[in-house]
N, C-alpha and C. Protein backbone atom coordinates (compact mmCIF):
# COMPACT_ATOMS: atom_id res chain seq x y z
N UNK A 1 0.83 -1.19 0.00
CA UNK A 1 0.00 0.00 0.00
C UNK A 1 0.88 1.26 0.00
N UNK A 2 1.93 1.23 0.81
CA UNK A 2 2.84 2.37 0.84
C UNK A 2 3.49 2.59 -0.51
N UNK A 3 3.83 1.49 -1.20
CA UNK A 3 4.45 1.60 -2.52
C UNK A 3 3.50 2.24 -3.52
N UNK A 4 2.21 1.90 -3.45
CA UNK A 4 1.23 2.51 -4.35
C UNK A 4 1.12 4.01 -4.08
N UNK A 5 1.07 4.37 -2.82
CA UNK A 5 1.01 5.78 -2.46
C UNK A 5 2.26 6.50 -2.94
N UNK A 6 3.40 5.89 -2.73
CA UNK A 6 4.67 6.48 -3.15
C UNK A 6 4.71 6.64 -4.66
N UNK A 7 4.21 5.65 -5.39
CA UNK A 7 4.20 5.72 -6.85
C UNK A 7 3.26 6.82 -7.33
N UNK A 8 2.09 6.93 -6.71
CA UNK A 8 1.15 7.99 -7.09
C UNK A 8 1.73 9.37 -6.79
N UNK A 9 2.34 9.49 -5.64
CA UNK A 9 2.94 10.78 -5.28
C UNK A 9 4.05 11.14 -6.25
N UNK A 10 4.83 10.16 -6.65
CA UNK A 10 5.90 10.40 -7.62
C UNK A 10 5.32 10.82 -8.96
N UNK A 11 4.25 10.17 -9.40
CA UNK A 11 3.62 10.52 -10.67
C UNK A 11 3.06 11.94 -10.63
N UNK A 12 2.41 12.29 -9.54
CA UNK A 12 1.87 13.65 -9.41
C UNK A 12 3.01 14.66 -9.43
N UNK A 13 4.08 14.36 -8.74
CA UNK A 13 5.23 15.25 -8.70
C UNK A 13 5.83 15.43 -10.09
N UNK A 14 6.00 14.33 -10.81
CA UNK A 14 6.58 14.39 -12.16
C UNK A 14 5.67 15.18 -13.09
N UNK A 15 4.37 14.96 -13.02
CA UNK A 15 3.43 15.71 -13.87
C UNK A 15 3.46 17.19 -13.54
N UNK A 16 3.53 17.52 -12.26
CA UNK A 16 3.57 18.92 -11.86
C UNK A 16 4.85 19.59 -12.36
N UNK A 17 5.97 18.92 -12.20
CA UNK A 17 7.24 19.47 -12.68
C UNK A 17 7.21 19.62 -14.20
N UNK A 18 6.63 18.65 -14.89
CA UNK A 18 6.55 18.72 -16.34
C UNK A 18 5.69 19.90 -16.78
N UNK A 19 4.55 20.10 -16.14
CA UNK A 19 3.69 21.25 -16.48
C UNK A 19 4.41 22.56 -16.20
N UNK A 20 5.10 22.63 -15.06
CA UNK A 20 5.84 23.83 -14.72
C UNK A 20 6.93 24.10 -15.75
N UNK A 21 7.63 23.05 -16.16
CA UNK A 21 8.69 23.19 -17.16
C UNK A 21 8.12 23.69 -18.48
N UNK A 22 6.98 23.13 -18.91
CA UNK A 22 6.37 23.56 -20.16
C UNK A 22 5.95 25.02 -20.10
N UNK A 23 5.37 25.44 -18.97
CA UNK A 23 4.95 26.83 -18.84
C UNK A 23 6.15 27.77 -18.82
N UNK A 24 7.22 27.38 -18.13
CA UNK A 24 8.39 28.25 -18.11
C UNK A 24 9.07 28.31 -19.47
N UNK A 25 9.03 27.23 -20.22
CA UNK A 25 9.58 27.26 -21.58
C UNK A 25 8.78 28.21 -22.46
N UNK A 26 7.46 28.20 -22.28
CA UNK A 26 6.61 29.11 -23.05
C UNK A 26 6.92 30.56 -22.68
N UNK A 27 7.08 30.84 -21.39
CA UNK A 27 7.42 32.19 -20.97
C UNK A 27 8.82 32.58 -21.42
N UNK A 28 9.71 31.61 -21.46
CA UNK A 28 11.08 31.89 -21.88
C UNK A 28 11.13 32.31 -23.34
N UNK A 29 10.24 31.77 -24.16
CA UNK A 29 10.23 32.11 -25.58
C UNK A 29 9.67 33.50 -25.81
N UNK A 30 8.79 33.95 -24.92
CA UNK A 30 8.24 35.29 -25.05
C UNK A 30 9.12 36.26 -24.27
N UNK A 31 9.51 37.35 -24.89
CA UNK A 31 10.37 38.32 -24.23
C UNK A 31 9.65 38.98 -23.06
N UNK A 32 8.36 39.24 -23.21
CA UNK A 32 7.63 39.88 -22.11
C UNK A 32 7.55 38.95 -20.91
N UNK A 33 7.47 37.66 -21.15
CA UNK A 33 7.46 36.70 -20.05
C UNK A 33 8.77 36.69 -19.30
N UNK A 34 9.86 36.80 -20.04
CA UNK A 34 11.18 36.83 -19.41
C UNK A 34 11.31 38.08 -18.55
N UNK A 35 10.84 39.21 -19.06
CA UNK A 35 10.90 40.45 -18.30
C UNK A 35 10.06 40.33 -17.04
N UNK A 36 8.89 39.73 -17.14
CA UNK A 36 8.03 39.56 -15.97
C UNK A 36 8.71 38.66 -14.94
N UNK A 37 9.36 37.62 -15.39
CA UNK A 37 10.08 36.73 -14.48
C UNK A 37 11.22 37.48 -13.80
N UNK A 38 11.94 38.29 -14.55
CA UNK A 38 13.04 39.06 -13.97
C UNK A 38 12.54 40.02 -12.90
N UNK A 39 11.46 40.74 -13.19
CA UNK A 39 10.89 41.64 -12.20
C UNK A 39 10.39 40.88 -10.98
N UNK A 40 9.82 39.72 -11.21
CA UNK A 40 9.37 38.89 -10.10
C UNK A 40 10.52 38.45 -9.22
N UNK A 41 11.61 38.03 -9.84
CA UNK A 41 12.79 37.61 -9.07
C UNK A 41 13.40 38.77 -8.30
N UNK A 42 13.45 39.94 -8.92
CA UNK A 42 13.98 41.12 -8.22
C UNK A 42 13.11 41.42 -7.01
N UNK A 43 11.79 41.36 -7.17
CA UNK A 43 10.89 41.62 -6.05
C UNK A 43 11.07 40.60 -4.94
N UNK A 44 11.23 39.34 -5.30
CA UNK A 44 11.42 38.29 -4.29
C UNK A 44 12.73 38.51 -3.54
N UNK A 45 13.82 38.75 -4.26
CA UNK A 45 15.11 38.95 -3.59
C UNK A 45 15.12 40.22 -2.75
N UNK A 46 14.47 41.27 -3.22
CA UNK A 46 14.40 42.50 -2.45
C UNK A 46 13.60 42.28 -1.17
N UNK A 47 12.52 41.54 -1.26
CA UNK A 47 11.72 41.23 -0.08
C UNK A 47 12.51 40.41 0.93
N UNK A 48 13.22 39.40 0.44
CA UNK A 48 14.05 38.58 1.33
C UNK A 48 15.13 39.44 1.99
N UNK A 49 15.75 40.32 1.22
CA UNK A 49 16.79 41.20 1.76
C UNK A 49 16.23 42.09 2.87
N UNK A 50 15.08 42.68 2.62
CA UNK A 50 14.47 43.57 3.62
C UNK A 50 14.12 42.80 4.88
N UNK A 51 13.55 41.61 4.72
CA UNK A 51 13.19 40.81 5.89
C UNK A 51 14.44 40.43 6.69
N UNK A 52 15.48 40.00 6.00
CA UNK A 52 16.71 39.59 6.70
C UNK A 52 17.36 40.77 7.40
N UNK A 53 17.44 41.90 6.72
CA UNK A 53 18.13 43.06 7.30
C UNK A 53 17.38 43.60 8.50
N UNK A 54 16.07 43.73 8.40
CA UNK A 54 15.33 44.37 9.47
C UNK A 54 14.91 43.43 10.59
N UNK A 55 15.09 42.15 10.43
CA UNK A 55 14.75 41.24 11.52
C UNK A 55 15.97 40.55 12.12
N UNK A 56 17.14 40.73 11.52
CA UNK A 56 18.32 40.01 12.02
C UNK A 56 18.81 40.57 13.35
N UNK A 57 19.06 41.85 13.41
CA UNK A 57 19.48 42.46 14.66
C UNK A 57 19.12 43.93 14.63
N UNK A 58 19.28 44.60 15.76
CA UNK A 58 18.88 46.00 15.85
C UNK A 58 20.01 46.96 15.51
N UNK A 59 21.21 46.44 15.31
CA UNK A 59 22.33 47.34 15.03
C UNK A 59 22.12 48.11 13.73
N UNK A 60 21.67 47.42 12.69
CA UNK A 60 21.48 48.09 11.40
C UNK A 60 20.38 49.13 11.50
N UNK A 61 19.24 48.76 12.08
CA UNK A 61 18.14 49.71 12.17
C UNK A 61 18.50 50.88 13.07
N UNK A 62 19.27 50.62 14.12
CA UNK A 62 19.70 51.71 14.99
C UNK A 62 20.62 52.68 14.24
N UNK A 63 21.57 52.16 13.50
CA UNK A 63 22.46 53.01 12.71
C UNK A 63 21.68 53.79 11.65
N UNK A 64 20.71 53.14 11.06
CA UNK A 64 19.88 53.81 10.05
C UNK A 64 19.09 54.95 10.68
N UNK A 65 18.53 54.72 11.86
CA UNK A 65 17.80 55.77 12.56
C UNK A 65 18.72 56.93 12.91
N UNK A 66 19.94 56.62 13.34
CA UNK A 66 20.89 57.69 13.66
C UNK A 66 21.23 58.52 12.43
N UNK A 67 21.43 57.87 11.30
CA UNK A 67 21.76 58.61 10.07
C UNK A 67 20.60 59.51 9.66
N UNK A 68 19.37 59.00 9.75
CA UNK A 68 18.22 59.82 9.39
C UNK A 68 18.03 60.97 10.38
N UNK A 69 18.32 60.73 11.65
CA UNK A 69 18.23 61.80 12.64
C UNK A 69 19.28 62.87 12.36
N UNK A 70 20.47 62.46 11.98
CA UNK A 70 21.53 63.41 11.63
C UNK A 70 21.12 64.24 10.42
N UNK A 71 20.59 63.58 9.42
CA UNK A 71 20.13 64.30 8.23
C UNK A 71 19.00 65.26 8.58
N UNK A 72 18.07 64.83 9.41
CA UNK A 72 16.94 65.67 9.79
C UNK A 72 17.41 66.90 10.54
N UNK A 73 18.37 66.74 11.45
CA UNK A 73 18.87 67.89 12.19
C UNK A 73 19.66 68.82 11.28
N UNK A 74 20.37 68.25 10.31
CA UNK A 74 21.10 69.08 9.35
C UNK A 74 20.14 69.95 8.55
N UNK A 75 19.08 69.34 8.06
CA UNK A 75 18.11 70.11 7.27
C UNK A 75 17.31 71.07 8.14
N UNK A 76 17.09 70.74 9.39
CA UNK A 76 16.35 71.64 10.28
C UNK A 76 17.17 72.88 10.59
N UNK A 77 18.49 72.75 10.68
CA UNK A 77 19.36 73.87 11.02
C UNK A 77 19.94 74.57 9.79
N UNK A 78 19.60 74.12 8.61
CA UNK A 78 20.17 74.68 7.39
C UNK A 78 19.57 76.07 7.13
N UNK A 79 20.44 77.00 6.77
CA UNK A 79 19.99 78.34 6.41
C UNK A 79 20.56 78.69 5.05
N UNK A 80 19.71 79.22 4.22
CA UNK A 80 20.16 79.63 2.89
C UNK A 80 21.02 80.89 3.01
N UNK A 81 22.10 80.96 2.25
CA UNK A 81 22.92 82.18 2.28
C UNK A 81 22.18 83.34 1.60
N UNK A 82 22.46 84.54 2.08
CA UNK A 82 21.81 85.73 1.50
C UNK A 82 22.48 86.16 0.26
């Protein structure tokens, strides 16, 4: 019984991979599909980067807050020359 389940699961997996491969080949042939995939990958990697940077430790966010505070005070005290 386990072998039948394993065989069915393998068949479903192979069919799913085959369908995915066919769809990606179709998108690969279309230039607009390739561009959409590239933008999608950039969005995914940017999201992962943001999650990792802002959840890893507080040192980065603290330094970022300090830099923005420094910039804010600089612009608050800035006076145009006459």
